[in-house]
Amino acid sequence: MSEVTTELSGGILTITISRPDKKNALTNAMYGALADALERAEAEVGIRVVVFQADGEIFSAGNDLGDFTQQSTGDGPAVRHVERFLINLVKAGKPVMAAVQGKAVGVGTTMLLHCDYVLLAEDAELIAPFINLALVPEAGSSLLMPLRIGHVRAFEMFALGEPVSAADAHAWGIANKVVSREQLRAETQRIATHIADKPAGALALAKGLMRDTETILARMERESGIFSAQLRSEEAKEAFRAFAEKRKPDFNSIGTR
């Protein structure tokens, strides 16, 4: 599909999110294409490294809110490809890289926790607005983010939903490197080429030893159940109404469990 493209060169499969007119918000169909690309990467021996990048000013605005609205009313798709995408990302045996410019919102941030090498442009901002939308963290981030950056920083990211600068994301250990936007793609491809030249078998074995895949998948399943229930909650309905009406949500009249 035109909103997700792939290019294979020199053993590097570059997956490009290309919906810049909608801030690269991810639809169910786009998740399907991303999941397909990851399955291709695992199946083809000639693919040694996977790179995620995005066209336009920002990396991704996260989930498409139209899809969210359908899910909250029970009218969502029969197959939710986001789950395929995330499971494939967790299980990816080959090195996965990401090149991020501008805002990376929601899954645009949490997917980076599953990447092995992350480059940020100097203008990158990572945003995890789940609680602002009356939702909970997803993609295993409720487990991985505190492990990566500590509880207090992870709580700040989730509870406040404020942007984290590229410099802070690098200092906290979410990213490997910060470069100028002009250098971002060239530097990503340079490092990807360097990784592609390494012994693929040893890389896959090392990556497998570094990740507790079963624990991450178990946390994702738990998150998914809570996320789906919360998406249909009165809090979430108020959050999405307020977003559509361009006003501040009022959660004070909604009781807590």
C-alpha atoms as a PDB file:
ATOM      1  CA  MET A   1       0.000   0.000   0.000  1.00  0.00           C
ATOM      2  CA  SER A   2       1.152   3.534  -0.695  1.00  0.00           C
ATOM      3  CA  GLU A   3       1.025   4.562   2.974  1.00  0.00           C
ATOM      4  CA  VAL A   4       3.603   1.911   3.924  1.00  0.00           C
ATOM      5  CA  THR A   5       6.390   1.163   1.459  1.00  0.00           C
ATOM      6  CA  THR A   6       9.359  -1.189   1.569  1.00  0.00           C
ATOM      7  CA  GLU A   7      12.729  -1.163  -0.170  1.00  0.00           C
ATOM      8  CA  LEU A   8      15.370  -3.882  -0.015  1.00  0.00           C
ATOM      9  CA  SER A   9      18.971  -2.950  -0.724  1.00  0.00           C
ATOM     10  CA  GLY A  10      22.201  -4.460   0.510  1.00  0.00           C
ATOM     11  CA  GLY A  11      20.412  -6.742   2.936  1.00  0.00           C
ATOM     12  CA  ILE A  12      18.590  -3.793   4.541  1.00  0.00           C
ATOM     13  CA  LEU A  13      14.775  -3.765   4.424  1.00  0.00           C
ATOM     14  CA  THR A  14      13.684  -0.155   4.847  1.00  0.00           C
ATOM     15  CA  ILE A  15      10.044   0.233   5.870  1.00  0.00           C
ATOM     16  CA  THR A  16       8.696   3.749   5.336  1.00  0.00           C
ATOM     17  CA  ILE A  17       5.516   5.115   6.893  1.00  0.00           C
ATOM     18  CA  SER A  18       4.189   7.574   4.341  1.00  0.00           C
ATOM     19  CA  ARG A  19       0.960   9.289   5.314  1.00  0.00           C
ATOM     20  CA  PRO A  20       2.362  12.758   5.977  1.00  0.00           C
ATOM     21  CA  ASP A  21      -0.914  14.556   5.240  1.00  0.00           C
ATOM     22  CA  LYS A  22      -2.372  12.765   8.298  1.00  0.00           C
ATOM     23  CA  LYS A  23       0.785  13.107  10.412  1.00  0.00           C
ATOM     24  CA  ASN A  24       1.579   9.441   9.735  1.00  0.00           C
ATOM     25  CA  ALA A  25      -1.272   8.321  11.992  1.00  0.00           C
ATOM     26  CA  LEU A  26      -1.498   4.544  11.755  1.00  0.00           C
ATOM     27  CA  THR A  27      -4.655   2.853  10.485  1.00  0.00           C
ATOM     28  CA  ASN A  28      -5.540  -0.814  10.812  1.00  0.00           C
ATOM     29  CA  ALA A  29      -4.548  -1.380   7.176  1.00  0.00           C
ATOM     30  CA  MET A  30      -1.177   0.297   7.768  1.00  0.00           C
ATOM     31  CA  TYR A  31      -0.550  -1.924  10.764  1.00  0.00           C
ATOM     32  CA  GLY A  32      -1.305  -4.870   8.501  1.00  0.00           C
ATOM     33  CA  ALA A  33       1.306  -3.714   6.002  1.00  0.00           C
ATOM     34  CA  LEU A  34       3.865  -3.187   8.770  1.00  0.00           C
ATOM     35  CA  ALA A  35       3.163  -6.668  10.138  1.00  0.00           C
ATOM     36  CA  ASP A  36       3.522  -8.158   6.649  1.00  0.00           C
ATOM     37  CA  ALA A  37       6.880  -6.420   6.193  1.00  0.00           C
ATOM     38  CA  LEU A  38       8.206  -7.838   9.454  1.00  0.00           C
ATOM     39  CA  GLU A  39       7.049 -11.328   8.468  1.00  0.00           C
ATOM     40  CA  ARG A  40       8.851 -10.926   5.164  1.00  0.00           C
ATOM     41  CA  ALA A  41      12.007  -9.878   6.983  1.00  0.00           C
ATOM     42  CA  GLU A  42      11.951 -13.018   9.104  1.00  0.00           C
ATOM     43  CA  ALA A  43      11.245 -15.283   6.127  1.00  0.00           C
ATOM     44  CA  GLU A  44      13.861 -13.990   3.658  1.00  0.00           C
ATOM     45  CA  VAL A  45      17.448 -15.030   4.312  1.00  0.00           C
ATOM     46  CA  GLY A  46      18.768 -12.086   2.310  1.00  0.00           C
ATOM     47  CA  ILE A  47      17.259  -9.565   4.733  1.00  0.00           C
ATOM     48  CA  ARG A  48      19.731  -8.918   7.528  1.00  0.00           C
ATOM     49  CA  VAL A  49      18.524  -5.631   9.054  1.00  0.00           C
ATOM     50  CA  VAL A  50      15.138  -3.877   9.273  1.00  0.00           C
ATOM     51  CA  VAL A  51      14.875  -0.070   9.349  1.00  0.00           C
ATOM     52  CA  PHE A  52      11.739   1.916  10.207  1.00  0.00           C
ATOM     53  CA  GLN A  53      11.502   5.489   8.970  1.00  0.00           C
ATOM     54  CA  ALA A  54       8.760   7.973   8.071  1.00  0.00           C
ATOM     55  CA  ASP A  55       8.149  10.639   5.475  1.00  0.00           C
ATOM     56  CA  GLY A  56       7.180  14.188   6.363  1.00  0.00           C
ATOM     57  CA  GLU A  57       7.701  16.404   9.364  1.00  0.00           C
ATOM     58  CA  ILE A  58       6.928  13.856  12.080  1.00  0.00           C
ATOM     59  CA  PHE A  59       7.557  10.163  12.663  1.00  0.00           C
ATOM     60  CA  SER A  60       4.003   9.265  13.689  1.00  0.00           C
ATOM     61  CA  ALA A  61       1.015  10.765  15.484  1.00  0.00           C
ATOM     62  CA  GLY A  62       0.243   7.282  16.794  1.00  0.00           C
ATOM     63  CA  ASN A  63      -3.027   5.476  16.242  1.00  0.00           C
ATOM     64  CA  ASP A  64      -5.543   6.966  13.839  1.00  0.00           C
ATOM     65  CA  LEU A  65      -8.285   8.449  16.024  1.00  0.00           C
ATOM     66  CA  GLY A  66     -10.964   7.375  13.547  1.00  0.00           C
ATOM     67  CA  ASP A  67      -9.976   3.757  14.194  1.00  0.00           C
ATOM     68  CA  PHE A  68      -9.986   4.452  17.921  1.00  0.00           C
ATOM     69  CA  THR A  69     -13.494   5.854  17.769  1.00  0.00           C
ATOM     70  CA  GLN A  70     -14.736   2.766  15.947  1.00  0.00           C
ATOM     71  CA  GLN A  71     -13.182   0.496  18.556  1.00  0.00           C
ATOM     72  CA  SER A  72     -14.720   2.462  21.424  1.00  0.00           C
ATOM     73  CA  THR A  73     -18.186   1.947  19.933  1.00  0.00           C
ATOM     74  CA  GLY A  74     -17.595  -1.716  19.139  1.00  0.00           C
ATOM     75  CA  ASP A  75     -17.505  -1.130  15.373  1.00  0.00           C
ATOM     76  CA  GLY A  76     -13.802  -1.810  14.891  1.00  0.00           C
ATOM     77  CA  PRO A  77     -12.296  -4.271  12.387  1.00  0.00           C
ATOM     78  CA  ALA A  78     -12.654  -8.012  12.912  1.00  0.00           C
ATOM     79  CA  VAL A  79      -8.869  -8.385  12.731  1.00  0.00           C
ATOM     80  CA  ARG A  80      -6.801  -5.828  14.645  1.00  0.00           C
ATOM     81  CA  HIS A  81      -3.504  -5.786  12.786  1.00  0.00           C
ATOM     82  CA  VAL A  82      -1.839  -3.681  15.481  1.00  0.00           C
ATOM     83  CA  GLU A  83      -1.591  -6.863  17.543  1.00  0.00           C
ATOM     84  CA  ARG A  84       0.076  -8.717  14.636  1.00  0.00           C
ATOM     85  CA  PHE A  85       2.507  -5.864  14.174  1.00  0.00           C
ATOM     86  CA  LEU A  86       3.496  -5.672  17.823  1.00  0.00           C
ATOM     87  CA  ILE A  87       3.835  -9.436  18.236  1.00  0.00           C
ATOM     88  CA  ASN A  88       6.011  -9.605  15.110  1.00  0.00           C
ATOM     89  CA  LEU A  89       8.098  -6.731  16.447  1.00  0.00           C
ATOM     90  CA  VAL A  90       8.621  -8.484  19.782  1.00  0.00           C
ATOM     91  CA  LYS A  91       9.540 -11.755  18.065  1.00  0.00           C
ATOM     92  CA  ALA A  92      11.784 -10.189  15.399  1.00  0.00           C
ATOM     93  CA  GLY A  93      15.014 -12.173  15.341  1.00  0.00           C
ATOM     94  CA  LYS A  94      16.892  -9.794  13.069  1.00  0.00           C
ATOM     95  CA  PRO A  95      18.207  -6.380  14.151  1.00  0.00           C
ATOM     96  CA  VAL A  96      15.557  -3.657  13.990  1.00  0.00           C
ATOM     97  CA  MET A  97      16.434   0.030  13.708  1.00  0.00           C
ATOM     98  CA  ALA A  98      14.395   3.228  13.715  1.00  0.00           C
ATOM     99  CA  ALA A  99      15.072   6.722  12.396  1.00  0.00           C
ATOM    100  CA  VAL A 100      12.815   9.280  14.092  1.00  0.00           C
ATOM    101  CA  GLN A 101      12.191  12.922  13.265  1.00  0.00           C
ATOM    102  CA  GLY A 102       9.675  15.290  14.794  1.00  0.00           C
ATOM    103  CA  LYS A 103       6.970  13.958  17.076  1.00  0.00           C
ATOM    104  CA  ALA A 104       6.634  10.259  17.870  1.00  0.00           C
ATOM    105  CA  VAL A 105       3.316   9.849  19.669  1.00  0.00           C
ATOM    106  CA  GLY A 106       1.895   6.787  21.426  1.00  0.00           C
ATOM    107  CA  VAL A 107       2.930   3.655  19.564  1.00  0.00           C
ATOM    108  CA  GLY A 108       5.383   5.872  17.660  1.00  0.00           C
ATOM    109  CA  THR A 109       7.299   6.018  20.944  1.00  0.00           C
ATOM    110  CA  THR A 110       6.559   2.613  22.474  1.00  0.00           C
ATOM    111  CA  MET A 111       7.626   0.706  19.353  1.00  0.00           C
ATOM    112  CA  LEU A 112      11.112   2.170  19.843  1.00  0.00           C
ATOM    113  CA  LEU A 113      11.489   0.062  22.986  1.00  0.00           C
ATOM    114  CA  HIS A 114      11.519  -3.009  20.712  1.00  0.00           C
ATOM    115  CA  CYS A 115      14.127  -1.608  18.331  1.00  0.00           C
ATOM    116  CA  ASP A 116      17.771  -2.533  18.736  1.00  0.00           C
ATOM    117  CA  TYR A 117      19.217   0.742  17.491  1.00  0.00           C
ATOM    118  CA  VAL A 118      17.365   4.080  17.535  1.00  0.00           C
ATOM    119  CA  LEU A 119      18.499   7.315  15.925  1.00  0.00           C
ATOM    120  CA  LEU A 120      16.703  10.572  16.672  1.00  0.00           C
ATOM    121  CA  ALA A 121      16.823  13.825  14.775  1.00  0.00           C
ATOM    122  CA  GLU A 122      17.597  16.815  16.967  1.00  0.00           C
ATOM    123  CA  ASP A 123      13.968  17.963  16.706  1.00  0.00           C
ATOM    124  CA  ALA A 124      12.494  14.600  17.765  1.00  0.00           C
ATOM    125  CA  GLU A 125      10.004  14.517  20.640  1.00  0.00           C
ATOM    126  CA  LEU A 126       8.715  11.337  22.250  1.00  0.00           C
ATOM    127  CA  ILE A 127       5.183  11.533  23.656  1.00  0.00           C
ATOM    128  CA  ALA A 128       3.199   8.875  25.537  1.00  0.00           C
ATOM    129  CA  PRO A 129      -0.276  10.446  25.990  1.00  0.00           C
ATOM    130  CA  PHE A 130      -2.145   7.297  27.029  1.00  0.00           C
ATOM    131  CA  ILE A 131      -3.416   8.541  30.379  1.00  0.00           C
ATOM    132  CA  ASN A 132      -4.389  11.895  28.849  1.00  0.00           C
ATOM    133  CA  LEU A 133      -6.712   9.845  26.620  1.00  0.00           C
ATOM    134  CA  ALA A 134      -7.931   7.829  29.647  1.00  0.00           C
ATOM    135  CA  LEU A 135      -6.075   4.766  28.366  1.00  0.00           C
ATOM    136  CA  VAL A 136      -3.122   2.702  29.612  1.00  0.00           C
ATOM    137  CA  PRO A 137       0.355   2.113  28.155  1.00  0.00           C
ATOM    138  CA  GLU A 138       0.607  -0.533  25.431  1.00  0.00           C
ATOM    139  CA  ALA A 139       3.160  -2.503  23.387  1.00  0.00           C
ATOM    140  CA  GLY A 140       4.733  -3.852  26.559  1.00  0.00           C
ATOM    141  CA  SER A 141       5.785  -0.332  27.542  1.00  0.00           C
ATOM    142  CA  SER A 142       4.367  -0.635  31.073  1.00  0.00           C
ATOM    143  CA  LEU A 143       7.120  -3.219  31.600  1.00  0.00           C
ATOM    144  CA  LEU A 144       9.875  -2.010  29.271  1.00  0.00           C
ATOM    145  CA  MET A 145       9.801   1.744  29.910  1.00  0.00           C
ATOM    146  CA  PRO A 146      10.419   1.526  33.683  1.00  0.00           C
ATOM    147  CA  LEU A 147      13.138  -1.059  33.045  1.00  0.00           C
ATOM    148  CA  ARG A 148      14.767   1.248  30.494  1.00  0.00           C
ATOM    149  CA  ILE A 149      14.535   4.648  32.198  1.00  0.00           C
ATOM    150  CA  GLY A 150      13.397   3.968  35.775  1.00  0.00           C
ATOM    151  CA  HIS A 151      10.010   4.155  37.436  1.00  0.00           C
ATOM    152  CA  VAL A 152       9.887   7.887  38.164  1.00  0.00           C
ATOM    153  CA  ARG A 153      10.785   8.944  34.621  1.00  0.00           C
ATOM    154  CA  ALA A 154       8.414   6.380  33.106  1.00  0.00           C
ATOM    155  CA  PHE A 155       5.619   7.541  35.403  1.00  0.00           C
ATOM    156  CA  GLU A 156       6.293  11.131  34.363  1.00  0.00           C
ATOM    157  CA  MET A 157       6.107  10.197  30.678  1.00  0.00           C
ATOM    158  CA  PHE A 158       2.842   8.286  31.118  1.00  0.00           C
ATOM    159  CA  ALA A 159       1.088  10.410  33.760  1.00  0.00           C
ATOM    160  CA  LEU A 160       1.918  13.844  32.351  1.00  0.00           C
ATOM    161  CA  GLY A 161       2.095  12.935  28.677  1.00  0.00           C
ATOM    162  CA  GLU A 162       4.552  15.737  28.014  1.00  0.00           C
ATOM    163  CA  PRO A 163       7.134  15.609  25.198  1.00  0.00           C
ATOM    164  CA  VAL A 164      10.561  14.172  25.928  1.00  0.00           C
ATOM    165  CA  SER A 165      13.284  15.874  23.899  1.00  0.00           C
ATOM    166  CA  ALA A 166      15.749  13.996  21.752  1.00  0.00           C
ATOM    167  CA  ALA A 167      18.550  15.005  24.094  1.00  0.00           C
ATOM    168  CA  ASP A 168      16.724  13.628  27.145  1.00  0.00           C
ATOM    169  CA  ALA A 169      15.645  10.457  25.325  1.00  0.00           C
ATOM    170  CA  HIS A 170      19.285   9.840  24.433  1.00  0.00           C
ATOM    171  CA  ALA A 171      20.515  10.595  27.958  1.00  0.00           C
ATOM    172  CA  TRP A 172      17.858   8.286  29.458  1.00  0.00           C
ATOM    173  CA  GLY A 173      18.788   5.393  27.171  1.00  0.00           C
ATOM    174  CA  ILE A 174      15.793   5.288  24.834  1.00  0.00           C
ATOM    175  CA  ALA A 175      17.961   6.188  21.822  1.00  0.00           C
ATOM    176  CA  ASN A 176      21.500   5.417  20.705  1.00  0.00           C
ATOM    177  CA  LYS A 177      22.296   8.602  18.858  1.00  0.00           C
ATOM    178  CA  VAL A 178      21.041  12.107  18.037  1.00  0.00           C
ATOM    179  CA  VAL A 179      21.884  13.665  14.668  1.00  0.00           C
ATOM    180  CA  SER A 180      20.633  16.548  12.573  1.00  0.00           C
ATOM    181  CA  ARG A 181      17.502  15.954  10.539  1.00  0.00           C
ATOM    182  CA  GLU A 182      19.568  16.348   7.376  1.00  0.00           C
ATOM    183  CA  GLN A 183      21.892  13.524   8.478  1.00  0.00           C
ATOM    184  CA  LEU A 184      19.219  11.203   9.873  1.00  0.00           C
ATOM    185  CA  ARG A 185      18.563   8.859   6.957  1.00  0.00           C
ATOM    186  CA  ALA A 186      22.135   8.747   5.698  1.00  0.00           C
ATOM    187  CA  GLU A 187      23.502   7.986   9.161  1.00  0.00           C
ATOM    188  CA  THR A 188      20.835   5.330   9.727  1.00  0.00           C
ATOM    189  CA  GLN A 189      21.728   3.596   6.484  1.00  0.00           C
ATOM    190  CA  ARG A 190      25.448   3.832   7.312  1.00  0.00           C
ATOM    191  CA  ILE A 191      24.957   2.071  10.631  1.00  0.00           C
ATOM    192  CA  ALA A 192      22.497  -0.427   9.106  1.00  0.00           C
ATOM    193  CA  THR A 193      25.108  -1.345   6.490  1.00  0.00           C
ATOM    194  CA  HIS A 194      27.684  -1.836   9.225  1.00  0.00           C
ATOM    195  CA  ILE A 195      25.298  -4.144  11.130  1.00  0.00           C
ATOM    196  CA  ALA A 196      24.358  -6.024   7.937  1.00  0.00           C
ATOM    197  CA  ASP A 197      28.028  -6.933   7.480  1.00  0.00           C
ATOM    198  CA  LYS A 198      28.149  -8.709  10.852  1.00  0.00           C
ATOM    199  CA  PRO A 199      27.560 -12.486  11.210  1.00  0.00           C
ATOM    200  CA  ALA A 200      23.760 -12.749  11.105  1.00  0.00           C
ATOM    201  CA  GLY A 201      23.595 -15.945  13.138  1.00  0.00           C
ATOM    202  CA  ALA A 202      25.612 -14.556  16.020  1.00  0.00           C
ATOM    203  CA  LEU A 203      23.567 -11.334  15.989  1.00  0.00           C
ATOM    204  CA  ALA A 204      20.279 -13.247  16.165  1.00  0.00           C
ATOM    205  CA  LEU A 205      21.545 -15.432  18.999  1.00  0.00           C
ATOM    206  CA  ALA A 206      22.811 -12.430  20.956  1.00  0.00           C
ATOM    207  CA  LYS A 207      19.539 -10.573  20.486  1.00  0.00           C
ATOM    208  CA  GLY A 208      17.598 -13.620  21.623  1.00  0.00           C
ATOM    209  CA  LEU A 209      19.649 -13.835  24.797  1.00  0.00           C
ATOM    210  CA  MET A 210      19.090 -10.141  25.536  1.00  0.00           C
ATOM    211  CA  ARG A 211      15.276 -10.239  25.392  1.00  0.00           C
ATOM    212  CA  ASP A 212      12.766 -12.168  27.508  1.00  0.00           C
ATOM    213  CA  THR A 213      10.227 -12.500  24.703  1.00  0.00           C
ATOM    214  CA  GLU A 214       7.710 -14.575  26.641  1.00  0.00           C
ATOM    215  CA  THR A 215       7.573 -12.089  29.517  1.00  0.00           C
ATOM    216  CA  ILE A 216       7.080  -9.180  27.106  1.00  0.00           C
ATOM    217  CA  LEU A 217       4.300 -10.994  25.236  1.00  0.00           C
ATOM    218  CA  ALA A 218       2.571 -11.864  28.500  1.00  0.00           C
ATOM    219  CA  ARG A 219       2.644  -8.207  29.582  1.00  0.00           C
ATOM    220  CA  MET A 220       1.328  -7.118  26.173  1.00  0.00           C
ATOM    221  CA  GLU A 221      -1.597  -9.519  26.487  1.00  0.00           C
ATOM    222  CA  ARG A 222      -2.422  -8.141  29.925  1.00  0.00           C
ATOM    223  CA  GLU A 223      -2.133  -4.558  28.674  1.00  0.00           C
ATOM    224  CA  SER A 224      -4.344  -5.330  25.682  1.00  0.00           C
ATOM    225  CA  GLY A 225      -7.196  -6.585  27.836  1.00  0.00           C
ATOM    226  CA  ILE A 226      -7.084  -3.549  30.121  1.00  0.00           C
ATOM    227  CA  PHE A 227      -6.630  -1.182  27.167  1.00  0.00           C
ATOM    228  CA  SER A 228      -9.660  -2.595  25.337  1.00  0.00           C
ATOM    229  CA  ALA A 229     -11.856  -2.345  28.419  1.00  0.00           C
ATOM    230  CA  GLN A 230     -10.664   1.176  29.169  1.00  0.00           C
ATOM    231  CA  LEU A 231     -11.278   2.241  25.578  1.00  0.00           C
ATOM    232  CA  ARG A 232     -14.991   1.640  26.197  1.00  0.00           C
ATOM    233  CA  SER A 233     -14.997   3.407  29.575  1.00  0.00           C
ATOM    234  CA  GLU A 234     -16.770   6.657  30.411  1.00  0.00           C
ATOM    235  CA  GLU A 235     -13.366   8.255  30.959  1.00  0.00           C
ATOM    236  CA  ALA A 236     -12.237   7.421  27.430  1.00  0.00           C
ATOM    237  CA  LYS A 237     -15.528   8.553  25.928  1.00  0.00           C
ATOM    238  CA  GLU A 238     -15.120  11.904  27.662  1.00  0.00           C
ATOM    239  CA  ALA A 239     -11.488  12.163  26.508  1.00  0.00           C
ATOM    240  CA  PHE A 240     -12.416  11.573  22.866  1.00  0.00           C
ATOM    241  CA  ARG A 241     -15.448  13.863  23.017  1.00  0.00           C
ATOM    242  CA  ALA A 242     -13.250  16.610  24.412  1.00  0.00           C
ATOM    243  CA  PHE A 243     -10.663  16.037  21.699  1.00  0.00           C
ATOM    244  CA  ALA A 244     -13.313  16.261  18.979  1.00  0.00           C
ATOM    245  CA  GLU A 245     -14.812  19.380  20.563  1.00  0.00           C
ATOM    246  CA  LYS A 246     -11.371  20.935  21.109  1.00  0.00           C
ATOM    247  CA  ARG A 247     -11.850  21.454  24.833  1.00  0.00           C
ATOM    248  CA  LYS A 248     -10.270  20.280  28.065  1.00  0.00           C
ATOM    249  CA  PRO A 249     -11.778  16.992  29.273  1.00  0.00           C
ATOM    250  CA  ASP A 250     -13.610  16.927  32.611  1.00  0.00           C
ATOM    251  CA  PHE A 251     -12.973  13.684  34.474  1.00  0.00           C
ATOM    252  CA  ASN A 252     -14.042  14.971  37.900  1.00  0.00           C
ATOM    253  CA  SER A 253     -17.624  13.763  37.577  1.00  0.00           C
ATOM    254  CA  ILE A 254     -16.564  10.251  36.582  1.00  0.00           C
ATOM    255  CA  GLY A 255     -16.048   7.839  39.456  1.00  0.00           C
ATOM    256  CA  THR A 256     -12.991   5.667  39.933  1.00  0.00           C
ATOM    257  CA  ARG A 257     -12.962   1.920  40.418  1.00  0.00           C
END
